[in-house]
């Protein structure tokens, strides 16, 4: 049973409901294009990074070690910097971007690229302290990561491109709209804004009370781990997620992927961010109208690519489709996949990102 379905059974004991998440620059006019589906065998082993490291982020005077890795070609010249941020989920990891990063930095051309992939605090291979995680905390982290003089992307020369999936993309868009960060371009891959429970059950006061109960239970010292093991940290649950809505083709869900993601759920402190994500605390906006307004704020200023997917879950797909032709979206394309196309169909996503990067930097010359 997927985590959201099991959580629904906890919230509504009589009924278990399957669900899912879920200087001035001028951008060019909107382009919309659909991309043919690649074959099912597009999932490839993730290549090793050129470099790995830990960056210390301080939150409320507490140090949090943030895992990052770099991918680059040693002989590349005229290098542009990309930061790739994983989709926020209970099994979020830098691994989802590795093949995309390797493909882009390995291409030959007038421009070279360096890709830095960073795990969120509380997820992946970063530290997982018991913080009161919410969208503002995650936004604050991203802003400090990009603006700090000692961060892994500190030497981007004001030409940093942000690439993010799911909620990560929307949080980046929100921060850029506030003027807290100044990327040269943003690519939003399968962008989402509503967590698994709110996208299905809404945000009425009665539901918020139930979400708070579930969240408190998940964060509790002993009972929390028991509940977390039922909802998230078991291989059957993870496999069910991937086959039902994370991947478009269940044949692409391999035992290695499930084992890798299962190991992530066993890391110390693993339950704290999922407790917030599942119940909507990491949602950067509260409605589709607010979602569209985030993108509109960047209109004519920062180029924005939206990569939608052919097989995203119905509700998530509707939010992606709402961005087609919307203000602030420079280019809209559709690729094969569901909620994690960068991992399931990395070469298709890499092709779209590379094209967008070339167009964006060409426009700045």
Protein backbone atom coordinates (compact mmCIF):
# COMPACT_ATOMS: atom_id res chain seq x y z
CA UNK A 1 0.00 0.00 0.00
CA UNK A 2 1.49 3.41 -0.94
CA UNK A 3 2.26 5.76 2.00
CA UNK A 4 -0.56 8.16 1.15
CA UNK A 5 -3.06 5.32 1.01
CA UNK A 6 -1.88 3.93 4.35
CA UNK A 7 -2.01 7.43 5.82
CA UNK A 8 -5.55 7.80 4.53
CA UNK A 9 -6.43 4.59 6.34
CA UNK A 10 -4.96 6.10 9.51
CA UNK A 11 -6.93 9.33 9.07
CA UNK A 12 -10.11 7.59 7.98
CA UNK A 13 -10.08 4.09 9.54
CA UNK A 14 -13.15 2.95 7.62
CA UNK A 15 -11.74 3.76 4.17
CA UNK A 16 -8.29 3.49 2.62
CA UNK A 17 -7.95 5.76 -0.40
CA UNK A 18 -5.08 5.32 -2.88
CA UNK A 19 -3.60 8.65 -3.84
CA UNK A 20 -0.49 10.51 -4.89
CA UNK A 21 1.38 13.50 -5.09
CA UNK A 22 1.86 14.56 -5.33
CA UNK A 23 20.69 43.36 -14.17
CA UNK A 24 17.37 42.83 -15.96
CA UNK A 25 17.11 39.91 -18.34
CA UNK A 26 14.49 39.29 -20.97
CA UNK A 27 12.99 35.85 -21.57
CA UNK A 28 11.80 34.79 -24.99
CA UNK A 29 8.20 33.95 -25.89
CA UNK A 30 6.54 30.67 -24.93
CA UNK A 31 7.25 27.55 -26.93
CA UNK A 32 5.23 24.37 -26.49
CA UNK A 33 6.29 20.97 -27.78
CA UNK A 34 5.51 17.33 -27.12
CA UNK A 35 8.33 14.80 -27.17
CA UNK A 36 8.03 11.21 -28.34
CA UNK A 37 8.27 8.52 -25.68
CA UNK A 38 11.61 6.70 -25.50
CA UNK A 39 11.66 2.94 -25.00
CA UNK A 40 11.19 1.34 -21.61
CA UNK A 41 14.87 0.54 -21.29
CA UNK A 42 15.91 4.16 -20.69
CA UNK A 43 16.75 3.65 -17.01
CA UNK A 44 20.54 3.44 -16.76
CA UNK A 45 22.96 2.85 -13.89
CA UNK A 46 23.88 6.14 -12.20
CA UNK A 47 27.48 7.16 -13.01
CA UNK A 48 29.93 8.10 -10.27
CA UNK A 49 30.36 11.85 -9.61
CA UNK A 50 33.61 13.72 -10.23
CA UNK A 51 33.64 14.92 -6.63
CA UNK A 52 31.57 14.54 -3.46
CA UNK A 53 31.54 16.61 -0.31
CA UNK A 54 29.64 18.02 2.65
CA UNK A 55 28.64 21.65 3.11
CA UNK A 56 27.70 22.90 6.56
CA UNK A 57 24.38 24.71 6.74
CA UNK A 58 23.48 26.34 10.03
CA UNK A 59 19.84 26.46 11.06
CA UNK A 60 18.90 27.97 14.41
CA UNK A 61 22.61 27.85 15.30
CA UNK A 62 22.76 24.12 14.69
CA UNK A 63 25.12 22.71 12.03
CA UNK A 64 23.59 20.45 9.40
CA UNK A 65 25.90 18.61 7.00
CA UNK A 66 24.56 18.81 3.45
CA UNK A 67 25.68 16.22 0.94
CA UNK A 68 26.57 17.34 -2.58
CA UNK A 69 28.35 15.99 -5.60
CA UNK A 70 29.83 17.57 -8.70
CA UNK A 71 29.87 16.34 -12.28
CA UNK A 72 32.16 17.99 -14.81
CA UNK A 73 34.58 17.42 -17.65
CA UNK A 74 38.16 18.23 -16.73
CA UNK A 75 39.02 19.69 -20.14
CA UNK A 76 35.87 21.82 -20.55
CA UNK A 77 36.25 25.55 -21.25
CA UNK A 78 33.80 28.43 -20.86
CA UNK A 79 31.99 26.45 -18.17
CA UNK A 80 28.49 27.35 -17.00
CA UNK A 81 27.14 26.16 -13.66
CA UNK A 82 24.01 24.16 -12.98
CA UNK A 83 22.59 23.22 -9.61
CA UNK A 84 20.26 20.21 -9.63
CA UNK A 85 17.87 19.71 -6.73
CA UNK A 86 16.09 16.38 -6.12
CA UNK A 87 12.33 16.04 -6.05
CA UNK A 88 11.15 16.22 -2.44
CA UNK A 89 9.75 12.87 -1.35
CA UNK A 90 10.25 10.23 1.33
CA UNK A 91 13.02 8.67 -0.82
CA UNK A 92 14.54 11.83 -2.29
CA UNK A 93 18.17 11.47 -3.40
CA UNK A 94 20.86 13.03 -5.60
CA UNK A 95 20.93 9.74 -7.48
CA UNK A 96 17.86 10.72 -9.50
CA UNK A 97 19.85 13.41 -11.36
CA UNK A 98 23.16 11.61 -11.93
CA UNK A 99 22.56 10.29 -15.43
CA UNK A 100 21.10 13.62 -16.56
CA UNK A 101 24.08 15.49 -15.12
CA UNK A 102 26.61 13.16 -16.72
CA UNK A 103 24.93 13.41 -20.11
CA UNK A 104 24.87 17.21 -20.11
CA UNK A 105 28.43 17.77 -18.90
CA UNK A 106 29.71 15.17 -21.35
CA UNK A 107 28.47 16.99 -24.44
CA UNK A 108 30.90 18.86 -26.68
CA UNK A 109 30.19 22.42 -27.76
CA UNK A 110 31.14 26.07 -27.37
CA UNK A 111 29.88 25.95 -23.80
CA UNK A 112 30.79 23.44 -21.12
CA UNK A 113 28.73 22.67 -18.04
CA UNK A 114 29.42 21.80 -14.43
CA UNK A 115 26.51 20.20 -12.57
CA UNK A 116 26.28 20.22 -8.78
CA UNK A 117 23.60 18.00 -7.25
CA UNK A 118 22.61 18.75 -3.66
CA UNK A 119 20.54 16.73 -1.21
CA UNK A 120 17.95 18.58 0.86
CA UNK A 121 18.42 18.75 4.64
CA UNK A 122 16.63 15.80 6.17
CA UNK A 123 16.76 13.79 2.95
CA UNK A 124 19.14 11.72 0.83
CA UNK A 125 22.66 11.59 2.24
CA UNK A 126 22.42 14.87 4.16
CA UNK A 127 22.00 15.04 7.93
CA UNK A 128 18.43 14.49 9.14
CA UNK A 129 17.96 16.46 12.36
CA UNK A 130 14.56 16.81 14.03
CA UNK A 131 13.76 20.28 12.67
CA UNK A 132 10.27 21.70 12.28
CA UNK A 133 10.43 21.31 8.51
CA UNK A 134 8.15 23.42 6.34
CA UNK A 135 8.32 25.19 2.98
CA UNK A 136 9.93 28.29 4.53
CA UNK A 137 12.72 26.22 6.09
CA UNK A 138 13.44 24.53 2.76
CA UNK A 139 13.37 27.86 0.94
CA UNK A 140 15.74 29.36 3.51
CA UNK A 141 18.13 26.46 2.97
CA UNK A 142 18.09 26.90 -0.81
CA UNK A 143 18.66 30.65 -0.56
CA UNK A 144 21.61 30.24 1.80
CA UNK A 145 23.07 27.45 -0.32
CA UNK A 146 23.04 29.61 -3.44
CA UNK A 147 24.12 32.89 -1.79
CA UNK A 148 26.70 31.66 0.71
CA UNK A 149 30.30 32.56 -0.25
CA UNK A 150 31.53 29.10 0.81
CA UNK A 151 28.83 26.94 -0.79
CA UNK A 152 29.51 24.39 -3.56
CA UNK A 153 28.02 26.80 -6.13
CA UNK A 154 29.65 29.98 -4.82
CA UNK A 155 31.67 30.67 -7.98
CA UNK A 156 28.83 30.63 -10.49
CA UNK A 157 29.53 34.20 -11.72
CA UNK A 158 25.84 35.18 -11.65
CA UNK A 159 25.09 32.58 -14.31
CA UNK A 160 23.74 29.74 -12.19
CA UNK A 161 20.93 27.67 -13.70
CA UNK A 162 18.59 25.96 -11.24
CA UNK A 163 17.11 22.60 -12.21
CA UNK A 164 14.60 21.05 -9.83
CA UNK A 165 11.90 18.40 -9.76
CA UNK A 166 8.49 18.37 -8.09
CA UNK A 167 8.20 20.63 -5.02
CA UNK A 168 11.90 21.51 -5.32
CA UNK A 169 11.25 23.31 -8.59
CA UNK A 170 8.34 25.27 -7.14
CA UNK A 171 10.29 26.30 -4.03
CA UNK A 172 13.09 27.58 -6.30
CA UNK A 173 10.59 29.52 -8.42
CA UNK A 174 9.10 31.03 -5.26
CA UNK A 175 12.50 32.13 -3.96
CA UNK A 176 13.41 33.68 -7.33
CA UNK A 177 10.10 35.54 -7.44
CA UNK A 178 10.85 37.07 -4.05
CA UNK A 179 14.26 38.22 -5.28
CA UNK A 180 16.03 36.05 -2.71
CA UNK A 181 18.04 34.29 -5.41
CA UNK A 182 19.00 35.44 -8.90
CA UNK A 183 19.39 32.45 -11.25
CA UNK A 184 20.08 33.00 -14.93
CA UNK A 185 17.38 30.41 -15.75
CA UNK A 186 15.16 27.84 -14.04
CA UNK A 187 14.05 24.42 -15.29
CA UNK A 188 11.05 22.92 -13.50
CA UNK A 189 10.77 19.18 -14.14
CA UNK A 190 7.37 17.65 -13.31
CA UNK A 191 6.67 20.57 -10.93
CA UNK A 192 4.22 20.02 -8.06
CA UNK A 193 2.94 22.10 -5.16
CA UNK A 194 0.53 19.92 -3.14
CA UNK A 195 1.58 17.08 -0.84
CA UNK A 196 0.08 13.58 -1.13
CA UNK A 197 -2.74 14.09 1.38
CA UNK A 198 -3.74 17.73 0.69
CA UNK A 199 -3.94 17.15 -3.07
CA UNK A 200 -6.63 14.53 -2.42
CA UNK A 201 -8.37 15.59 0.78
CA UNK A 202 -7.92 19.36 0.67
CA UNK A 203 -7.09 21.78 3.46
CA UNK A 204 -10.30 22.21 5.47
CA UNK A 205 -9.85 22.89 9.18
CA UNK A 206 -10.97 19.36 10.04
CA UNK A 207 -8.39 17.90 7.66
CA UNK A 208 -5.61 20.14 8.98
CA UNK A 209 -6.38 18.78 12.45
CA UNK A 210 -6.04 15.22 11.17
CA UNK A 211 -2.83 16.05 9.32
CA UNK A 212 -1.43 17.47 12.54
CA UNK A 213 -2.32 14.27 14.38
CA UNK A 214 -0.59 12.12 11.78
CA UNK A 215 2.43 14.42 11.69
CA UNK A 216 2.76 14.36 15.47
CA UNK A 217 2.50 10.59 15.50
CA UNK A 218 5.24 10.23 12.88
CA UNK A 219 7.57 12.53 14.83
CA UNK A 220 7.03 10.76 18.16
CA UNK A 221 10.14 8.89 19.45
CA UNK A 222 8.88 5.27 19.54
CA UNK A 223 5.44 5.24 17.97
CA UNK A 224 6.76 7.44 15.16
CA UNK A 225 9.22 4.81 13.95
CA UNK A 226 6.53 2.15 14.08
CA UNK A 227 4.15 4.27 12.02
CA UNK A 228 6.93 5.29 9.63
CA UNK A 229 7.80 1.64 9.02
CA UNK A 230 4.17 0.95 8.11
CA UNK A 231 3.72 3.99 5.86
CA UNK A 232 7.11 4.41 4.22
CA UNK A 233 10.04 2.29 5.34
CA UNK A 234 9.27 -1.06 3.77
CA UNK A 235 10.16 -2.41 0.37
CA UNK A 236 6.59 -3.29 -0.62
CA UNK A 237 5.40 0.23 0.02
CA UNK A 238 8.27 1.77 -1.94
CA UNK A 239 7.74 -0.63 -4.83
CA UNK A 240 4.03 0.18 -4.84
CA UNK A 241 4.79 3.91 -5.00
CA UNK A 242 7.19 3.54 -7.88
CA UNK A 243 4.95 1.26 -9.91
CA UNK A 244 1.74 3.20 -9.35
CA UNK A 245 2.77 6.81 -9.88
CA UNK A 246 6.50 7.59 -9.56
CA UNK A 247 7.45 5.74 -12.75
CA UNK A 248 5.32 5.51 -15.88
CA UNK A 249 6.46 2.01 -16.80
CA UNK A 250 6.46 -0.55 -13.99
CA UNK A 251 9.02 -2.63 -15.91
CA UNK A 252 11.55 0.11 -15.15
CA UNK A 253 11.20 -0.43 -11.40
CA UNK A 254 14.16 -2.68 -10.64
CA UNK A 255 15.10 -4.47 -7.40
CA UNK A 256 18.25 -2.32 -7.21
CA UNK A 257 16.22 0.89 -7.20
CA UNK A 258 13.89 -0.39 -4.49
CA UNK A 259 16.79 -1.60 -2.34
CA UNK A 260 18.61 1.72 -2.70
CA UNK A 261 15.54 3.75 -1.75
CA UNK A 262 14.70 1.41 1.12
CA UNK A 263 18.18 1.94 2.58
CA UNK A 264 17.57 5.70 2.54
CA UNK A 265 14.46 5.26 4.69
CA UNK A 266 16.55 3.53 7.38
CA UNK A 267 18.91 6.44 7.95
CA UNK A 268 18.81 8.14 11.34
CA UNK A 269 16.10 10.83 11.41
CA UNK A 270 14.60 9.66 8.12
CA UNK A 271 10.97 10.16 9.18
CA UNK A 272 10.97 13.89 9.93
CA UNK A 273 10.81 15.37 6.42
CA UNK A 274 8.32 12.74 5.14
CA UNK A 275 6.06 13.62 8.09
CA UNK A 276 6.01 17.22 6.87
CA UNK A 277 5.77 16.39 3.16
CA UNK A 278 2.96 13.86 3.43
CA UNK A 279 0.78 16.27 5.42
CA UNK A 280 1.39 19.36 3.30
CA UNK A 281 3.84 21.37 5.42
CA UNK A 282 6.33 21.50 2.54
CA UNK A 283 3.76 22.84 0.07
CA UNK A 284 5.11 26.18 -1.24
CA UNK A 285 1.60 27.45 -2.14
CA UNK A 286 -1.97 26.61 -1.21
CA UNK A 287 -3.78 26.78 -4.57
CA UNK A 288 -3.34 26.55 -8.33
CA UNK A 289 -3.87 30.30 -8.60
CA UNK A 290 -0.89 30.91 -6.29
CA UNK A 291 1.11 28.30 -8.21
CA UNK A 292 0.59 30.15 -11.50
CA UNK A 293 1.35 33.49 -9.87
CA UNK A 294 4.79 32.24 -8.81
CA UNK A 295 5.75 31.67 -12.45
CA UNK A 296 4.12 34.92 -13.58
CA UNK A 297 6.43 36.91 -11.30
CA UNK A 298 9.41 35.80 -13.42
CA UNK A 299 7.84 36.83 -16.72
CA UNK A 300 10.24 38.75 -18.94
CA UNK A 301 13.01 38.47 -16.36
CA UNK A 302 14.20 34.88 -15.91
CA UNK A 303 13.78 32.18 -18.60
CA UNK A 304 11.74 29.25 -17.28
CA UNK A 305 11.45 25.78 -18.79
CA UNK A 306 8.61 23.52 -17.66
CA UNK A 307 8.99 19.81 -18.39
CA UNK A 308 5.63 18.06 -18.03
CA UNK A 309 5.14 14.30 -18.33
CA UNK A 310 2.83 12.10 -20.34
CA UNK A 311 1.83 9.79 -17.49
CA UNK A 312 1.80 11.88 -14.31
CA UNK A 313 -1.04 11.08 -11.89
CA UNK A 314 -4.26 12.84 -12.87
CA UNK A 315 -4.22 15.56 -10.22
CA UNK A 316 -0.52 16.32 -10.56
CA UNK A 317 -0.82 16.28 -14.34
CA UNK A 318 -3.60 18.88 -14.18
CA UNK A 319 -1.31 21.27 -12.28
CA UNK A 320 1.50 20.81 -14.79
CA UNK A 321 -0.89 21.32 -17.71
CA UNK A 322 -2.13 24.55 -16.14
CA UNK A 323 1.35 25.98 -16.81
CA UNK A 324 1.07 25.45 -20.57
CA UNK A 325 0.79 28.90 -22.10
CA UNK A 326 0.84 30.52 -18.69
CA UNK A 327 2.61 33.82 -18.00
CA UNK A 328 6.24 33.42 -17.05
CA UNK A 329 6.73 30.05 -18.75
CA UNK A 330 9.23 30.56 -21.56
CA UNK A 331 9.13 27.01 -22.89
CA UNK A 332 6.83 24.06 -22.15
CA UNK A 333 7.66 20.53 -23.25
CA UNK A 334 6.30 17.09 -22.47
CA UNK A 335 8.35 13.94 -22.09
CA UNK A 336 7.71 10.34 -21.17
CA UNK A 337 7.45 9.56 -17.48
CA UNK A 338 5.33 10.27 -14.42
CA UNK A 339 6.68 12.06 -11.32
CA UNK A 340 10.36 11.22 -11.69
CA UNK A 341 11.18 11.45 -15.42
CA UNK A 342 14.77 12.53 -14.71
CA UNK A 343 15.42 9.10 -13.24
CA UNK A 344 13.19 6.92 -15.41
CA UNK A 345 13.89 8.65 -18.74
CA UNK A 346 17.07 10.64 -18.03
CA UNK A 347 18.25 10.98 -21.62
CA UNK A 348 14.95 12.50 -22.75
CA UNK A 349 15.08 14.99 -19.89
CA UNK A 350 18.76 15.73 -20.53
CA UNK A 351 18.03 16.49 -24.18
CA UNK A 352 15.37 19.05 -23.24
CA UNK A 353 17.53 20.62 -20.56
CA UNK A 354 20.56 20.86 -22.83
CA UNK A 355 18.51 22.52 -25.57
CA UNK A 356 17.10 25.00 -23.07
CA UNK A 357 20.56 25.76 -21.66
CA UNK A 358 21.97 26.43 -25.11
CA UNK A 359 19.06 28.72 -25.98
CA UNK A 360 19.24 30.59 -22.68
CA UNK A 361 22.97 31.28 -22.76
CA UNK A 362 22.89 32.13 -26.48
CA UNK A 363 20.31 34.82 -25.72
CA UNK A 364 22.69 36.42 -23.19
CA UNK A 365 25.60 36.88 -25.58
